[in-house]
């Protein structure tokens, strides 16, 4: 049986700031930005700085399953490929993406809340 590597400890480290940032999001673009920052930080810790994701490398895509995409540049990274297939990394990113999509849809349905935050 293959051994699965777990990164839930890093997920738990990143979760409080992720939740805080989702709460501070004033627009759907903020949600996308904070999702990127969280996944970027996750990759930088897991890949020990061997890859430095750019904004266009990680995208929140609310209307697809899974609700995120990774650039070909990231998908072609050998270390990331190995970890993708032998760890809980895809599940962790999916959990962050699903939470971000929920907040994204909430902001889409309630633009008055976005307007209220902007006026403060």
PDB file of N, CA and C in Angstrom:
ATOM      1  N   UNK A   1       0.847  -1.181   0.000  1.00  0.00           N
ATOM      2  CA  UNK A   1       0.000   0.000   0.000  1.00  0.00           C
ATOM      3  C   UNK A   1       0.893   1.246   0.000  1.00  0.00           C
ATOM      4  N   UNK A   2       0.573   2.197  -0.858  1.00  0.00           N
ATOM      5  CA  UNK A   2       1.366   3.428  -0.977  1.00  0.00           C
ATOM      6  C   UNK A   2       1.129   4.341   0.223  1.00  0.00           C
ATOM      7  N   UNK A   3       2.187   4.977   0.637  1.00  0.00           N
ATOM      8  CA  UNK A   3       2.092   5.899   1.761  1.00  0.00           C
ATOM      9  C   UNK A   3       1.669   7.273   1.249  1.00  0.00           C
ATOM     10  N   UNK A   4       0.674   7.841   1.896  1.00  0.00           N
ATOM     11  CA  UNK A   4       0.157   9.154   1.510  1.00  0.00           C
ATOM     12  C   UNK A   4       0.744  10.197   2.461  1.00  0.00           C
ATOM     13  N   UNK A   5       1.331  11.234   1.872  1.00  0.00           N
ATOM     14  CA  UNK A   5       1.895  12.329   2.667  1.00  0.00           C
ATOM     15  C   UNK A   5       0.770  13.312   2.975  1.00  0.00           C
ATOM     16  N   UNK A   6       0.776  13.844   4.180  1.00  0.00           N
ATOM     17  CA  UNK A   6      -0.272  14.774   4.592  1.00  0.00           C
ATOM     18  C   UNK A   6       0.296  16.157   4.878  1.00  0.00           C
ATOM     19  N   UNK A   7      -0.426  17.155   4.386  1.00  0.00           N
ATOM     20  CA  UNK A   7      -0.059  18.544   4.618  1.00  0.00           C
ATOM     21  C   UNK A   7      -1.136  19.287   5.410  1.00  0.00           C
ATOM     22  N   UNK A   8      -1.957  18.543   6.133  1.00  0.00           N
ATOM     23  CA  UNK A   8      -3.025  19.192   6.885  1.00  0.00           C
ATOM     24  C   UNK A   8      -2.487  20.124   7.964  1.00  0.00           C
ATOM     25  N   UNK A   9      -1.291  19.855   8.470  1.00  0.00           N
ATOM     26  CA  UNK A   9      -0.710  20.763   9.470  1.00  0.00           C
ATOM     27  C   UNK A   9      -0.486  22.149   8.863  1.00  0.00           C
ATOM     28  N   UNK A  10      -0.031  22.202   7.617  1.00  0.00           N
ATOM     29  CA  UNK A  10       0.157  23.495   6.949  1.00  0.00           C
ATOM     30  C   UNK A  10      -1.201  24.127   6.641  1.00  0.00           C
ATOM     31  N   UNK A  11      -2.153  23.292   6.241  1.00  0.00           N
ATOM     32  CA  UNK A  11      -3.518  23.799   6.005  1.00  0.00           C
ATOM     33  C   UNK A  11      -4.047  24.487   7.261  1.00  0.00           C
ATOM     34  N   UNK A  12      -3.861  23.858   8.405  1.00  0.00           N
ATOM     35  CA  UNK A  12      -4.353  24.428   9.666  1.00  0.00           C
ATOM     36  C   UNK A  12      -3.623  25.712  10.038  1.00  0.00           C
ATOM     37  N   UNK A  13      -2.356  25.820   9.665  1.00  0.00           N
ATOM     38  CA  UNK A  13      -1.608  27.069   9.897  1.00  0.00           C
ATOM     39  C   UNK A  13      -2.166  28.212   9.053  1.00  0.00           C
ATOM     40  N   UNK A  14      -2.534  27.910   7.816  1.00  0.00           N
ATOM     41  CA  UNK A  14      -2.992  28.931   6.875  1.00  0.00           C
ATOM     42  C   UNK A  14      -4.468  29.291   7.053  1.00  0.00           C
ATOM     43  N   UNK A  15      -5.233  28.397   7.639  1.00  0.00           N
ATOM     44  CA  UNK A  15      -6.685  28.574   7.730  1.00  0.00           C
ATOM     45  C   UNK A  15      -7.141  29.841   8.456  1.00  0.00           C
ATOM     46  N   UNK A  16      -6.563  30.205   9.605  1.00  0.00           N
ATOM     47  CA  UNK A  16      -7.050  31.425  10.278  1.00  0.00           C
ATOM     48  C   UNK A  16      -6.908  32.687   9.418  1.00  0.00           C
ATOM     49  N   UNK A  17      -5.764  32.866   8.765  1.00  0.00           N
ATOM     50  CA  UNK A  17      -5.590  34.043   7.904  1.00  0.00           C
ATOM     51  C   UNK A  17      -6.500  33.974   6.682  1.00  0.00           C
ATOM     52  N   UNK A  18      -6.677  32.778   6.142  1.00  0.00           N
ATOM     53  CA  UNK A  18      -7.574  32.610   5.005  1.00  0.00           C
ATOM     54  C   UNK A  18      -8.997  33.040   5.380  1.00  0.00           C
ATOM     55  N   UNK A  19      -9.483  32.560   6.514  1.00  0.00           N
ATOM     56  CA  UNK A  19     -10.835  32.928   6.962  1.00  0.00           C
ATOM     57  C   UNK A  19     -10.946  34.428   7.212  1.00  0.00           C
ATOM     58  N   UNK A  20      -9.931  34.994   7.843  1.00  0.00           N
ATOM     59  CA  UNK A  20      -9.932  36.437   8.100  1.00  0.00           C
ATOM     60  C   UNK A  20      -9.993  37.208   6.788  1.00  0.00           C
ATOM     61  N   UNK A  21      -9.162  36.816   5.842  1.00  0.00           N
ATOM     62  CA  UNK A  21      -9.145  37.498   4.551  1.00  0.00           C
ATOM     63  C   UNK A  21     -10.452  37.335   3.788  1.00  0.00           C
ATOM     64  N   UNK A  22     -11.066  36.160   3.863  1.00  0.00           N
ATOM     65  CA  UNK A  22     -12.363  35.983   3.208  1.00  0.00           C
ATOM     66  C   UNK A  22     -13.382  36.951   3.824  1.00  0.00           C
ATOM     67  N   UNK A  23     -13.326  37.112   5.138  1.00  0.00           N
ATOM     68  CA  UNK A  23     -14.238  38.036   5.808  1.00  0.00           C
ATOM     69  C   UNK A  23     -13.984  39.491   5.439  1.00  0.00           C
ATOM     70  N   UNK A  24     -12.753  39.805   5.092  1.00  0.00           N
ATOM     71  CA  UNK A  24     -12.401  41.176   4.699  1.00  0.00           C
ATOM     72  C   UNK A  24     -12.655  41.455   3.222  1.00  0.00           C
ATOM     73  N   UNK A  25     -12.930  40.417   2.450  1.00  0.00           N
ATOM     74  CA  UNK A  25     -13.127  40.572   1.009  1.00  0.00           C
ATOM     75  C   UNK A  25     -14.290  41.503   0.723  1.00  0.00           C
ATOM     76  N   UNK A  26     -14.022  42.496  -0.108  1.00  0.00           N
ATOM     77  CA  UNK A  26     -15.054  43.460  -0.485  1.00  0.00           C
ATOM     78  C   UNK A  26     -15.620  43.186  -1.867  1.00  0.00           C
ATOM     79  N   UNK A  27     -14.973  42.289  -2.599  1.00  0.00           N
ATOM     80  CA  UNK A  27     -15.435  41.987  -3.956  1.00  0.00           C
ATOM     81  C   UNK A  27     -15.044  40.561  -4.310  1.00  0.00           C
ATOM     82  N   UNK A  28     -15.614  40.092  -5.401  1.00  0.00           N
ATOM     83  CA  UNK A  28     -15.253  38.756  -5.872  1.00  0.00           C
ATOM     84  C   UNK A  28     -13.785  38.710  -6.283  1.00  0.00           C
ATOM     85  N   UNK A  29     -13.261  39.826  -6.755  1.00  0.00           N
ATOM     86  CA  UNK A  29     -11.839  39.864  -7.122  1.00  0.00           C
ATOM     87  C   UNK A  29     -10.957  39.722  -5.879  1.00  0.00           C
ATOM     88  N   UNK A  30     -11.387  40.281  -4.753  1.00  0.00           N
ATOM     89  CA  UNK A  30     -10.653  40.093  -3.494  1.00  0.00           C
ATOM     90  C   UNK A  30     -10.632  38.618  -3.107  1.00  0.00           C
ATOM     91  N   UNK A  31     -11.758  37.938  -3.302  1.00  0.00           N
ATOM     92  CA  UNK A  31     -11.827  36.510  -2.975  1.00  0.00           C
ATOM     93  C   UNK A  31     -10.811  35.747  -3.813  1.00  0.00           C
ATOM     94  N   UNK A  32     -10.764  36.041  -5.109  1.00  0.00           N
ATOM     95  CA  UNK A  32      -9.800  35.385  -5.998  1.00  0.00           C
ATOM     96  C   UNK A  32      -8.365  35.660  -5.528  1.00  0.00           C
ATOM     97  N   UNK A  33      -8.101  36.910  -5.163  1.00  0.00           N
ATOM     98  CA  UNK A  33      -6.763  37.318  -4.739  1.00  0.00           C
ATOM     99  C   UNK A  33      -6.355  36.592  -3.451  1.00  0.00           C
ATOM    100  N   UNK A  34      -7.243  36.543  -2.469  1.00  0.00           N
ATOM    101  CA  UNK A  34      -6.903  35.902  -1.203  1.00  0.00           C
ATOM    102  C   UNK A  34      -6.773  34.381  -1.352  1.00  0.00           C
ATOM    103  N   UNK A  35      -7.561  33.806  -2.253  1.00  0.00           N
ATOM    104  CA  UNK A  35      -7.402  32.378  -2.553  1.00  0.00           C
ATOM    105  C   UNK A  35      -6.001  32.138  -3.119  1.00  0.00           C
ATOM    106  N   UNK A  36      -5.601  32.956  -4.080  1.00  0.00           N
ATOM    107  CA  UNK A  36      -4.261  32.831  -4.655  1.00  0.00           C
ATOM    108  C   UNK A  36      -3.185  32.938  -3.573  1.00  0.00           C
ATOM    109  N   UNK A  37      -3.271  33.966  -2.718  1.00  0.00           N
ATOM    110  CA  UNK A  37      -2.248  34.155  -1.684  1.00  0.00           C
ATOM    111  C   UNK A  37      -2.125  32.917  -0.803  1.00  0.00           C
ATOM    112  N   UNK A  38      -3.251  32.329  -0.441  1.00  0.00           N
ATOM    113  CA  UNK A  38      -3.236  31.163   0.444  1.00  0.00           C
ATOM    114  C   UNK A  38      -2.597  29.964  -0.236  1.00  0.00           C
ATOM    115  N   UNK A  39      -3.001  29.688  -1.479  1.00  0.00           N
ATOM    116  CA  UNK A  39      -2.443  28.535  -2.192  1.00  0.00           C
ATOM    117  C   UNK A  39      -0.966  28.774  -2.507  1.00  0.00           C
ATOM    118  N   UNK A  40      -0.607  30.000  -2.828  1.00  0.00           N
ATOM    119  CA  UNK A  40       0.801  30.325  -3.065  1.00  0.00           C
ATOM    120  C   UNK A  40       1.623  30.018  -1.809  1.00  0.00           C
ATOM    121  N   UNK A  41       1.131  30.458  -0.657  1.00  0.00           N
ATOM    122  CA  UNK A  41       1.845  30.200   0.596  1.00  0.00           C
ATOM    123  C   UNK A  41       1.946  28.700   0.881  1.00  0.00           C
ATOM    124  N   UNK A  42       0.884  27.977   0.582  1.00  0.00           N
ATOM    125  CA  UNK A  42       0.889  26.529   0.753  1.00  0.00           C
ATOM    126  C   UNK A  42       1.958  25.889  -0.127  1.00  0.00           C
ATOM    127  N   UNK A  43       1.990  26.260  -1.401  1.00  0.00           N
ATOM    128  CA  UNK A  43       2.998  25.713  -2.315  1.00  0.00           C
ATOM    129  C   UNK A  43       4.401  26.088  -1.884  1.00  0.00           C
ATOM    130  N   UNK A  44       4.609  27.308  -1.471  1.00  0.00           N
ATOM    131  CA  UNK A  44       5.952  27.722  -1.078  1.00  0.00           C
ATOM    132  C   UNK A  44       6.452  26.939   0.135  1.00  0.00           C
ATOM    133  N   UNK A  45       5.550  26.630   1.055  1.00  0.00           N
ATOM    134  CA  UNK A  45       5.964  25.831   2.211  1.00  0.00           C
ATOM    135  C   UNK A  45       6.209  24.375   1.815  1.00  0.00           C
ATOM    136  N   UNK A  46       5.301  23.817   1.045  1.00  0.00           N
ATOM    137  CA  UNK A  46       5.412  22.410   0.668  1.00  0.00           C
ATOM    138  C   UNK A  46       6.598  22.178  -0.265  1.00  0.00           C
ATOM    139  N   UNK A  47       6.767  23.072  -1.226  1.00  0.00           N
ATOM    140  CA  UNK A  47       7.825  22.904  -2.225  1.00  0.00           C
ATOM    141  C   UNK A  47       9.124  23.565  -1.798  1.00  0.00           C
ATOM    142  N   UNK A  48       9.162  24.059  -0.576  1.00  0.00           N
ATOM    143  CA  UNK A  48      10.361  24.626   0.039  1.00  0.00           C
ATOM    144  C   UNK A  48      11.035  25.668  -0.849  1.00  0.00           C
ATOM    145  N   UNK A  49      10.221  26.512  -1.453  1.00  0.00           N
ATOM    146  CA  UNK A  49      10.751  27.606  -2.247  1.00  0.00           C
ATOM    147  C   UNK A  49      11.262  27.229  -3.623  1.00  0.00           C
ATOM    148  N   UNK A  50      11.079  25.971  -4.033  1.00  0.00           N
ATOM    149  CA  UNK A  50      11.583  25.570  -5.355  1.00  0.00           C
ATOM    150  C   UNK A  50      10.710  26.108  -6.490  1.00  0.00           C
ATOM    151  N   UNK A  51       9.500  26.524  -6.158  1.00  0.00           N
ATOM    152  CA  UNK A  51       8.594  27.129  -7.134  1.00  0.00           C
ATOM    153  C   UNK A  51       8.002  28.377  -6.489  1.00  0.00           C
ATOM    154  N   UNK A  52       7.941  29.439  -7.264  1.00  0.00           N
ATOM    155  CA  UNK A  52       7.348  30.682  -6.781  1.00  0.00           C
ATOM    156  C   UNK A  52       6.154  31.013  -7.670  1.00  0.00           C
ATOM    157  N   UNK A  53       4.945  30.556  -7.280  1.00  0.00           N
ATOM    158  CA  UNK A  53       3.770  30.777  -8.115  1.00  0.00           C
ATOM    159  C   UNK A  53       3.468  32.261  -8.318  1.00  0.00           C
ATOM    160  N   UNK A  54       3.093  32.592  -9.530  1.00  0.00           N
ATOM    161  CA  UNK A  54       2.643  33.935  -9.891  1.00  0.00           C
ATOM    162  C   UNK A  54       1.121  33.935  -9.880  1.00  0.00           C
ATOM    163  N   UNK A  55       0.532  35.127  -9.884  1.00  0.00           N
ATOM    164  CA  UNK A  55      -0.922  35.249  -9.808  1.00  0.00           C
ATOM    165  C   UNK A  55      -1.623  34.438 -10.898  1.00  0.00           C
ATOM    166  N   UNK A  56      -1.065  34.431 -12.101  1.00  0.00           N
ATOM    167  CA  UNK A  56      -1.718  33.726 -13.206  1.00  0.00           C
ATOM    168  C   UNK A  56      -1.529  32.208 -13.141  1.00  0.00           C
ATOM    169  N   UNK A  57      -0.738  31.712 -12.202  1.00  0.00           N
ATOM    170  CA  UNK A  57      -0.516  30.271 -12.062  1.00  0.00           C
ATOM    171  C   UNK A  57      -1.624  29.555 -11.300  1.00  0.00           C
ATOM    172  N   UNK A  58      -2.365  30.290 -10.483  1.00  0.00           N
ATOM    173  CA  UNK A  58      -3.382  29.687  -9.623  1.00  0.00           C
ATOM    174  C   UNK A  58      -4.651  30.515  -9.756  1.00  0.00           C
ATOM    175  N   UNK A  59      -5.726  29.886 -10.212  1.00  0.00           N
ATOM    176  CA  UNK A  59      -6.967  30.636 -10.438  1.00  0.00           C
ATOM    177  C   UNK A  59      -8.155  29.969  -9.769  1.00  0.00           C
ATOM    178  N   UNK A  60      -8.981  30.786  -9.168  1.00  0.00           N
ATOM    179  CA  UNK A  60     -10.273  30.334  -8.655  1.00  0.00           C
ATOM    180  C   UNK A  60     -11.252  30.399  -9.815  1.00  0.00           C
ATOM    181  N   UNK A  61     -11.925  29.288 -10.087  1.00  0.00           N
ATOM    182  CA  UNK A  61     -12.882  29.221 -11.192  1.00  0.00           C
ATOM    183  C   UNK A  61     -14.194  28.685 -10.627  1.00  0.00           C
ATOM    184  N   UNK A  62     -15.058  29.590 -10.155  1.00  0.00           N
ATOM    185  CA  UNK A  62     -16.260  29.178  -9.436  1.00  0.00           C
ATOM    186  C   UNK A  62     -17.218  28.266 -10.199  1.00  0.00           C
ATOM    187  N   UNK A  63     -17.240  28.358 -11.518  1.00  0.00           N
ATOM    188  CA  UNK A  63     -18.235  27.608 -12.281  1.00  0.00           C
ATOM    189  C   UNK A  63     -17.707  26.318 -12.891  1.00  0.00           C
ATOM    190  N   UNK A  64     -16.648  25.775 -12.329  1.00  0.00           N
ATOM    191  CA  UNK A  64     -16.154  24.487 -12.831  1.00  0.00           C
ATOM    192  C   UNK A  64     -15.840  23.581 -11.648  1.00  0.00           C
ATOM    193  N   UNK A  65     -15.620  22.333 -11.946  1.00  0.00           N
ATOM    194  CA  UNK A  65     -15.276  21.354 -10.924  1.00  0.00           C
ATOM    195  C   UNK A  65     -13.985  20.676 -11.328  1.00  0.00           C
ATOM    196  N   UNK A  66     -12.937  20.691 -10.554  1.00  0.00           N
ATOM    197  CA  UNK A  66     -12.795  21.417  -9.292  1.00  0.00           C
ATOM    198  C   UNK A  66     -12.772  22.924  -9.541  1.00  0.00           C
ATOM    199  N   UNK A  67     -13.064  23.696  -8.510  1.00  0.00           N
ATOM    200  CA  UNK A  67     -13.223  25.154  -8.691  1.00  0.00           C
ATOM    201  C   UNK A  67     -11.910  25.946  -8.717  1.00  0.00           C
ATOM    202  N   UNK A  68     -10.860  25.321  -9.233  1.00  0.00           N
ATOM    203  CA  UNK A  68      -9.582  26.019  -9.361  1.00  0.00           C
ATOM    204  C   UNK A  68      -8.814  25.424 -10.536  1.00  0.00           C
ATOM    205  N   UNK A  69      -7.859  26.201 -11.036  1.00  0.00           N
ATOM    206  CA  UNK A  69      -6.953  25.690 -12.070  1.00  0.00           C
ATOM    207  C   UNK A  69      -5.527  26.061 -11.692  1.00  0.00           C
ATOM    208  N   UNK A  70      -4.611  25.237 -12.162  1.00  0.00           N
ATOM    209  CA  UNK A  70      -3.180  25.495 -12.010  1.00  0.00           C
ATOM    210  C   UNK A  70      -2.595  25.624 -13.407  1.00  0.00           C
ATOM    211  N   UNK A  71      -1.635  26.495 -13.550  1.00  0.00           N
ATOM    212  CA  UNK A  71      -0.999  26.703 -14.855  1.00  0.00           C
ATOM    213  C   UNK A  71      -0.194  25.474 -15.258  1.00  0.00           C
ATOM    214  N   UNK A  72       0.090  25.382 -16.550  1.00  0.00           N
ATOM    215  CA  UNK A  72       0.932  24.299 -17.052  1.00  0.00           C
ATOM    216  C   UNK A  72       2.310  24.348 -16.403  1.00  0.00           C
ATOM    217  N   UNK A  73       2.790  25.550 -16.138  1.00  0.00           N
ATOM    218  CA  UNK A  73       4.105  25.704 -15.503  1.00  0.00           C
ATOM    219  C   UNK A  73       4.143  24.971 -14.165  1.00  0.00           C
ATOM    220  N   UNK A  74       3.065  25.106 -13.379  1.00  0.00           N
ATOM    221  CA  UNK A  74       3.025  24.406 -12.095  1.00  0.00           C
ATOM    222  C   UNK A  74       2.807  22.909 -12.292  1.00  0.00           C
ATOM    223  N   UNK A  75       1.909  22.563 -13.192  1.00  0.00           N
ATOM    224  CA  UNK A  75       1.603  21.145 -13.415  1.00  0.00           C
ATOM    225  C   UNK A  75       2.816  20.371 -13.918  1.00  0.00           C
ATOM    226  N   UNK A  76       3.744  21.052 -14.582  1.00  0.00           N
ATOM    227  CA  UNK A  76       4.924  20.394 -15.130  1.00  0.00           C
ATOM    228  C   UNK A  76       6.073  20.297 -14.125  1.00  0.00           C
ATOM    229  N   UNK A  77       5.934  20.928 -12.983  1.00  0.00           N
ATOM    230  CA  UNK A  77       6.979  20.851 -11.965  1.00  0.00           C
ATOM    231  C   UNK A  77       7.019  19.426 -11.401  1.00  0.00           C
ATOM    232  N   UNK A  78       8.170  18.781 -11.493  1.00  0.00           N
ATOM    233  CA  UNK A  78       8.300  17.371 -11.106  1.00  0.00           C
ATOM    234  C   UNK A  78       7.954  17.125  -9.636  1.00  0.00           C
ATOM    235  N   UNK A  79       8.446  17.984  -8.770  1.00  0.00           N
ATOM    236  CA  UNK A  79       8.176  17.798  -7.342  1.00  0.00           C
ATOM    237  C   UNK A  79       6.687  17.953  -7.051  1.00  0.00           C
ATOM    238  N   UNK A  80       6.060  18.934  -7.686  1.00  0.00           N
ATOM    239  CA  UNK A  80       4.618  19.135  -7.484  1.00  0.00           C
ATOM    240  C   UNK A  80       3.824  17.950  -8.038  1.00  0.00           C
ATOM    241  N   UNK A  81       4.208  17.452  -9.205  1.00  0.00           N
ATOM    242  CA  UNK A  81       3.527  16.280  -9.787  1.00  0.00           C
ATOM    243  C   UNK A  81       3.560  15.104  -8.814  1.00  0.00           C
ATOM    244  N   UNK A  82       4.739  14.870  -8.267  1.00  0.00           N
ATOM    245  CA  UNK A  82       4.906  13.750  -7.341  1.00  0.00           C
ATOM    246  C   UNK A  82       4.020  13.923  -6.108  1.00  0.00           C
ATOM    247  N   UNK A  83       4.033  15.132  -5.539  1.00  0.00           N
ATOM    248  CA  UNK A  83       3.229  15.389  -4.344  1.00  0.00           C
ATOM    249  C   UNK A  83       1.737  15.366  -4.652  1.00  0.00           C
ATOM    250  N   UNK A  84       1.370  15.800  -5.843  1.00  0.00           N
ATOM    251  CA  UNK A  84      -0.042  15.832  -6.235  1.00  0.00           C
ATOM    252  C   UNK A  84      -0.631  14.419  -6.211  1.00  0.00           C
ATOM    253  N   UNK A  85       0.167  13.459  -6.633  1.00  0.00           N
ATOM    254  CA  UNK A  85      -0.307  12.079  -6.721  1.00  0.00           C
ATOM    255  C   UNK A  85      -0.110  11.273  -5.439  1.00  0.00           C
ATOM    256  N   UNK A  86       0.695  11.781  -4.515  1.00  0.00           N
ATOM    257  CA  UNK A  86       1.018  10.976  -3.334  1.00  0.00           C
ATOM    258  C   UNK A  86       0.714  11.689  -2.014  1.00  0.00           C
ATOM    259  N   UNK A  87      -0.163  12.694  -2.078  1.00  0.00           N
ATOM    260  CA  UNK A  87      -0.472  13.427  -0.843  1.00  0.00           C
ATOM    261  C   UNK A  87      -1.918  13.911  -0.869  1.00  0.00           C
ATOM    262  N   UNK A  88      -2.263  14.599   0.205  1.00  0.00           N
ATOM    263  CA  UNK A  88      -3.605  15.185   0.303  1.00  0.00           C
ATOM    264  C   UNK A  88      -3.658  16.605  -0.266  1.00  0.00           C
ATOM    265  N   UNK A  89      -2.621  17.024  -0.967  1.00  0.00           N
ATOM    266  CA  UNK A  89      -2.546  18.380  -1.513  1.00  0.00           C
ATOM    267  C   UNK A  89      -3.753  18.760  -2.369  1.00  0.00           C
ATOM    268  N   UNK A  90      -4.189  17.930  -3.331  1.00  0.00           N
ATOM    269  CA  UNK A  90      -5.355  18.331  -4.129  1.00  0.00           C
ATOM    270  C   UNK A  90      -6.611  18.529  -3.271  1.00  0.00           C
ATOM    271  N   UNK A  91      -6.757  17.733  -2.243  1.00  0.00           N
ATOM    272  CA  UNK A  91      -7.930  17.856  -1.370  1.00  0.00           C
ATOM    273  C   UNK A  91      -7.883  19.149  -0.555  1.00  0.00           C
ATOM    274  N   UNK A  92      -6.693  19.502  -0.103  1.00  0.00           N
ATOM    275  CA  UNK A  92      -6.533  20.735   0.675  1.00  0.00           C
ATOM    276  C   UNK A  92      -6.852  21.943  -0.196  1.00  0.00           C
ATOM    277  N   UNK A  93      -6.301  21.980  -1.390  1.00  0.00           N
ATOM    278  CA  UNK A  93      -6.573  23.113  -2.288  1.00  0.00           C
ATOM    279  C   UNK A  93      -8.052  23.154  -2.638  1.00  0.00           C
ATOM    280  N   UNK A  94      -8.647  21.997  -2.830  1.00  0.00           N
ATOM    281  CA  UNK A  94     -10.081  21.956  -3.126  1.00  0.00           C
ATOM    282  C   UNK A  94     -10.903  22.504  -1.962  1.00  0.00           C
ATOM    283  N   UNK A  95     -10.509  22.204  -0.738  1.00  0.00           N
ATOM    284  CA  UNK A  95     -11.243  22.743   0.431  1.00  0.00           C
ATOM    285  C   UNK A  95     -11.132  24.263   0.485  1.00  0.00           C
ATOM    286  N   UNK A  96      -9.934  24.794   0.246  1.00  0.00           N
ATOM    287  CA  UNK A  96      -9.778  26.252   0.196  1.00  0.00           C
ATOM    288  C   UNK A  96     -10.619  26.835  -0.937  1.00  0.00           C
ATOM    289  N   UNK A  97     -10.592  26.178  -2.083  1.00  0.00           N
ATOM    290  CA  UNK A  97     -11.344  26.673  -3.242  1.00  0.00           C
ATOM    291  C   UNK A  97     -12.853  26.657  -2.978  1.00  0.00           C
ATOM    292  N   UNK A  98     -13.349  25.595  -2.380  1.00  0.00           N
ATOM    293  CA  UNK A  98     -14.783  25.522  -2.101  1.00  0.00           C
ATOM    294  C   UNK A  98     -15.214  26.607  -1.117  1.00  0.00           C
ATOM    295  N   UNK A  99     -14.411  26.850  -0.099  1.00  0.00           N
ATOM    296  CA  UNK A  99     -14.727  27.917   0.850  1.00  0.00           C
ATOM    297  C   UNK A  99     -14.697  29.273   0.149  1.00  0.00           C
ATOM    298  N   UNK A 100     -13.705  29.482  -0.718  1.00  0.00           N
ATOM    299  CA  UNK A 100     -13.610  30.740  -1.457  1.00  0.00           C
ATOM    300  C   UNK A 100     -14.802  30.906  -2.395  1.00  0.00           C
ATOM    301  N   UNK A 101     -15.199  29.836  -3.064  1.00  0.00           N
ATOM    302  CA  UNK A 101     -16.351  29.902  -3.976  1.00  0.00           C
ATOM    303  C   UNK A 101     -17.620  30.237  -3.204  1.00  0.00           C
ATOM    304  N   UNK A 102     -17.787  29.663  -2.033  1.00  0.00           N
ATOM    305  CA  UNK A 102     -18.969  29.985  -1.218  1.00  0.00           C
ATOM    306  C   UNK A 102     -19.015  31.476  -0.911  1.00  0.00           C
ATOM    307  N   UNK A 103     -17.894  32.043  -0.536  1.00  0.00           N
ATOM    308  CA  UNK A 103     -17.859  33.474  -0.228  1.00  0.00           C
ATOM    309  C   UNK A 103     -18.023  34.298  -1.500  1.00  0.00           C
ATOM    310  N   UNK A 104     -17.440  33.856  -2.580  1.00  0.00           N
ATOM    311  CA  UNK A 104     -17.560  34.506  -3.889  1.00  0.00           C
ATOM    312  C   UNK A 104     -19.040  34.609  -4.279  1.00  0.00           C
ATOM    313  N   UNK A 105     -19.750  33.498  -4.177  1.00  0.00           N
ATOM    314  CA  UNK A 105     -21.182  33.478  -4.545  1.00  0.00           C
ATOM    315  C   UNK A 105     -22.001  34.351  -3.601  1.00  0.00           C
ATOM    316  N   UNK A 106     -21.631  34.356  -2.344  1.00  0.00           N
ATOM    317  CA  UNK A 106     -22.321  35.210  -1.372  1.00  0.00           C
ATOM    318  C   UNK A 106     -22.174  36.684  -1.766  1.00  0.00           C
ATOM    319  N   UNK A 107     -20.969  37.080  -2.132  1.00  0.00           N
ATOM    320  CA  UNK A 107     -20.744  38.468  -2.547  1.00  0.00           C
ATOM    321  C   UNK A 107     -21.484  38.789  -3.846  1.00  0.00           C
ATOM    322  N   UNK A 108     -21.559  37.828  -4.748  1.00  0.00           N
ATOM    323  CA  UNK A 108     -22.302  38.032  -5.997  1.00  0.00           C
ATOM    324  C   UNK A 108     -23.786  38.266  -5.733  1.00  0.00           C
ATOM    325  N   UNK A 109     -24.336  37.523  -4.768  1.00  0.00           N
ATOM    326  CA  UNK A 109     -25.767  37.621  -4.461  1.00  0.00           C
ATOM    327  C   UNK A 109     -26.108  38.841  -3.621  1.00  0.00           C
ATOM    328  N   UNK A 110     -25.126  39.381  -2.913  1.00  0.00           N
ATOM    329  CA  UNK A 110     -25.375  40.496  -1.996  1.00  0.00           C
ATOM    330  C   UNK A 110     -24.419  41.644  -2.267  1.00  0.00           C
ATOM    331  N   UNK A 111     -24.542  42.286  -3.427  1.00  0.00           N
ATOM    332  CA  UNK A 111     -23.614  43.383  -3.749  1.00  0.00           C
ATOM    333  C   UNK A 111     -23.752  44.567  -2.786  1.00  0.00           C
ATOM    334  N   UNK A 112     -24.884  44.663  -2.108  1.00  0.00           N
ATOM    335  CA  UNK A 112     -25.054  45.762  -1.158  1.00  0.00           C
ATOM    336  C   UNK A 112     -24.076  45.647   0.013  1.00  0.00           C
ATOM    337  N   UNK A 113     -23.684  44.434   0.368  1.00  0.00           N
ATOM    338  CA  UNK A 113     -22.704  44.260   1.444  1.00  0.00           C
ATOM    339  C   UNK A 113     -21.334  44.752   0.991  1.00  0.00           C
ATOM    340  N   UNK A 114     -21.020  44.509  -0.253  1.00  0.00           N
ATOM    341  CA  UNK A 114     -19.769  45.013  -0.810  1.00  0.00           C
ATOM    342  C   UNK A 114     -19.781  46.533  -0.793  1.00  0.00           C
ATOM    343  N   UNK A 115     -20.883  47.121  -1.220  1.00  0.00           N
ATOM    344  CA  UNK A 115     -21.012  48.580  -1.245  1.00  0.00           C
ATOM    345  C   UNK A 115     -20.895  49.157   0.164  1.00  0.00           C
ATOM    346  N   UNK A 116     -21.507  48.492   1.143  1.00  0.00           N
ATOM    347  CA  UNK A 116     -21.446  48.975   2.526  1.00  0.00           C
ATOM    348  C   UNK A 116     -20.022  48.978   3.045  1.00  0.00           C
ATOM    349  N   UNK A 117     -19.250  47.930   2.723  1.00  0.00           N
ATOM    350  CA  UNK A 117     -17.853  47.862   3.170  1.00  0.00           C
ATOM    351  C   UNK A 117     -17.024  48.940   2.516  1.00  0.00           C
ATOM    352  N   UNK A 118     -17.299  49.231   1.255  1.00  0.00           N
ATOM    353  CA  UNK A 118     -16.538  50.240   0.533  1.00  0.00           C
ATOM    354  C   UNK A 118     -16.805  51.623   1.114  1.00  0.00           C
ATOM    355  N   UNK A 119     -18.024  51.900   1.528  1.00  0.00           N
ATOM    356  CA  UNK A 119     -18.388  53.229   2.047  1.00  0.00           C
ATOM    357  C   UNK A 119     -17.870  53.482   3.451  1.00  0.00           C
ATOM    358  N   UNK A 120     -17.492  52.450   4.178  1.00  0.00           N
ATOM    359  CA  UNK A 120     -17.045  52.632   5.576  1.00  0.00           C
ATOM    360  C   UNK A 120     -15.806  53.465   5.661  1.00  0.00           C
TER     361      UNK A 120
END
